Amino acid sequence: MNQLVLSARIAQVNALRYTPAGLPALDLLLEHESEMTEAGGTRQVKVAIKAVAFGPMAETLSRQAATSVWRFAGFLANPRNGKHPVLHIQEFQPE
């Protein structure tokens, strides 16, 4: 199963673009910070991940304030010419 749920703040929002098929697309950078328990100890976790949204979801996210915090759900995929996975956002809600 390829499913990711992440509470994160919007760190960067690129300009709304359109695919060759005319579908709205939005590239974002999300940042997460938390404290997790691992091997009986506590550790600080920080991660930044690239994300993308398409269609009406892209249009809605393009109007959200940078630094706002959301719970994102979606799947990970490598872009055609990229090495690092990108979160493809399928849904989001206020945190």
Protein backbone atom coordinates (compact mmCIF):
# COMPACT_ATOMS: atom_id res chain seq x y z
CA MET A 1 0.00 0.00 0.00
CA ASN A 2 1.32 3.46 -0.86
CA GLN A 3 -0.46 5.95 1.39
CA LEU A 4 0.93 8.81 3.43
CA VAL A 5 -0.77 11.04 6.00
CA LEU A 6 1.29 13.98 7.18
CA SER A 7 0.62 16.99 9.36
CA ALA A 8 2.69 19.78 7.84
CA ARG A 9 2.91 23.48 7.24
CA ILE A 10 3.02 24.95 3.77
CA ALA A 11 6.59 26.28 3.46
CA GLN A 12 6.49 27.27 -0.21
CA VAL A 13 3.83 27.50 -2.90
CA ASN A 14 4.79 27.88 -6.54
CA ALA A 15 2.58 29.67 -9.06
CA LEU A 16 -0.46 27.74 -10.24
CA ARG A 17 0.35 26.08 -13.57
CA TYR A 18 -1.56 24.02 -16.09
CA THR A 19 -0.72 20.61 -17.52
CA PRO A 20 -0.73 20.14 -21.32
CA ALA A 21 -4.25 18.75 -20.88
CA GLY A 22 -5.32 22.01 -19.19
CA LEU A 23 -5.53 20.60 -15.66
CA PRO A 24 -4.52 23.02 -12.88
CA ALA A 25 -1.39 21.86 -11.02
CA LEU A 26 0.36 23.26 -7.97
CA ASP A 27 3.83 22.42 -6.65
CA LEU A 28 4.43 22.92 -2.92
CA LEU A 29 7.07 22.36 -0.29
CA LEU A 30 5.74 20.98 3.00
CA GLU A 31 7.60 20.97 6.32
CA HIS A 32 6.87 18.75 9.29
CA GLU A 33 8.34 18.93 12.79
CA SER A 34 7.48 16.68 15.73
CA GLU A 35 8.82 14.62 18.60
CA MET A 36 8.68 10.85 18.16
CA THR A 37 9.55 7.85 20.32
CA GLU A 38 12.03 5.43 18.81
CA ALA A 39 13.93 2.56 20.47
CA GLY A 40 12.81 3.75 23.89
CA GLY A 41 14.03 7.31 23.41
CA THR A 42 12.60 10.56 22.16
CA ARG A 43 13.90 12.26 19.05
CA GLN A 44 13.12 15.47 17.23
CA VAL A 45 11.94 14.83 13.68
CA LYS A 46 12.11 17.43 10.92
CA VAL A 47 11.32 16.70 7.30
CA ALA A 48 10.69 18.73 4.16
CA ILE A 49 8.93 17.07 1.25
CA LYS A 50 7.89 18.25 -2.19
CA ALA A 51 4.21 17.85 -2.97
CA VAL A 52 1.87 18.36 -5.91
CA ALA A 53 -1.89 18.81 -6.21
CA PHE A 54 -4.06 18.72 -9.34
CA GLY A 55 -7.49 19.99 -10.38
CA PRO A 56 -9.77 21.90 -8.02
CA MET A 57 -7.59 20.86 -5.07
CA ALA A 58 -4.65 22.72 -6.66
CA GLU A 59 -6.77 25.84 -7.07
CA THR A 60 -7.92 25.70 -3.44
CA LEU A 61 -4.42 25.12 -2.08
CA SER A 62 -3.03 28.00 -4.16
CA ARG A 63 -5.18 30.38 -2.08
CA GLN A 64 -3.95 29.10 1.31
CA ALA A 65 -1.50 31.11 3.37
CA ALA A 66 2.09 30.03 3.53
CA THR A 67 2.90 28.73 7.02
CA SER A 68 -0.67 27.42 7.49
CA VAL A 69 -0.79 23.88 8.93
CA TRP A 70 -2.83 21.08 7.33
CA ARG A 71 -3.22 17.34 7.44
CA PHE A 72 -2.36 16.03 3.98
CA ALA A 73 -3.15 12.56 2.62
CA GLY A 74 -1.95 11.06 -0.62
CA PHE A 75 0.64 8.80 -2.19
CA LEU A 76 4.35 9.00 -3.03
CA ALA A 77 5.70 8.83 -6.58
CA ASN A 78 8.94 9.75 -8.31
CA PRO A 79 8.59 12.40 -11.01
CA ARG A 80 9.57 11.26 -14.51
CA ASN A 81 12.95 12.96 -14.41
CA GLY A 82 13.46 13.13 -10.65
CA LYS A 83 15.15 11.06 -7.99
CA HIS A 84 13.23 12.10 -4.88
CA PRO A 85 9.64 11.10 -4.17
CA VAL A 86 6.85 13.68 -4.33
CA LEU A 87 3.66 13.55 -2.26
CA HIS A 88 0.66 13.58 -4.60
CA ILE A 89 -2.02 15.19 -2.45
CA GLN A 90 -5.41 13.52 -2.70
CA GLU A 91 -7.06 15.28 0.22
CA PHE A 92 -6.28 17.85 2.91
CA GLN A 93 -7.98 19.38 5.91
CA PRO A 94 -7.12 21.95 8.57
CA GLU A 95 -4.98 20.59 11.37
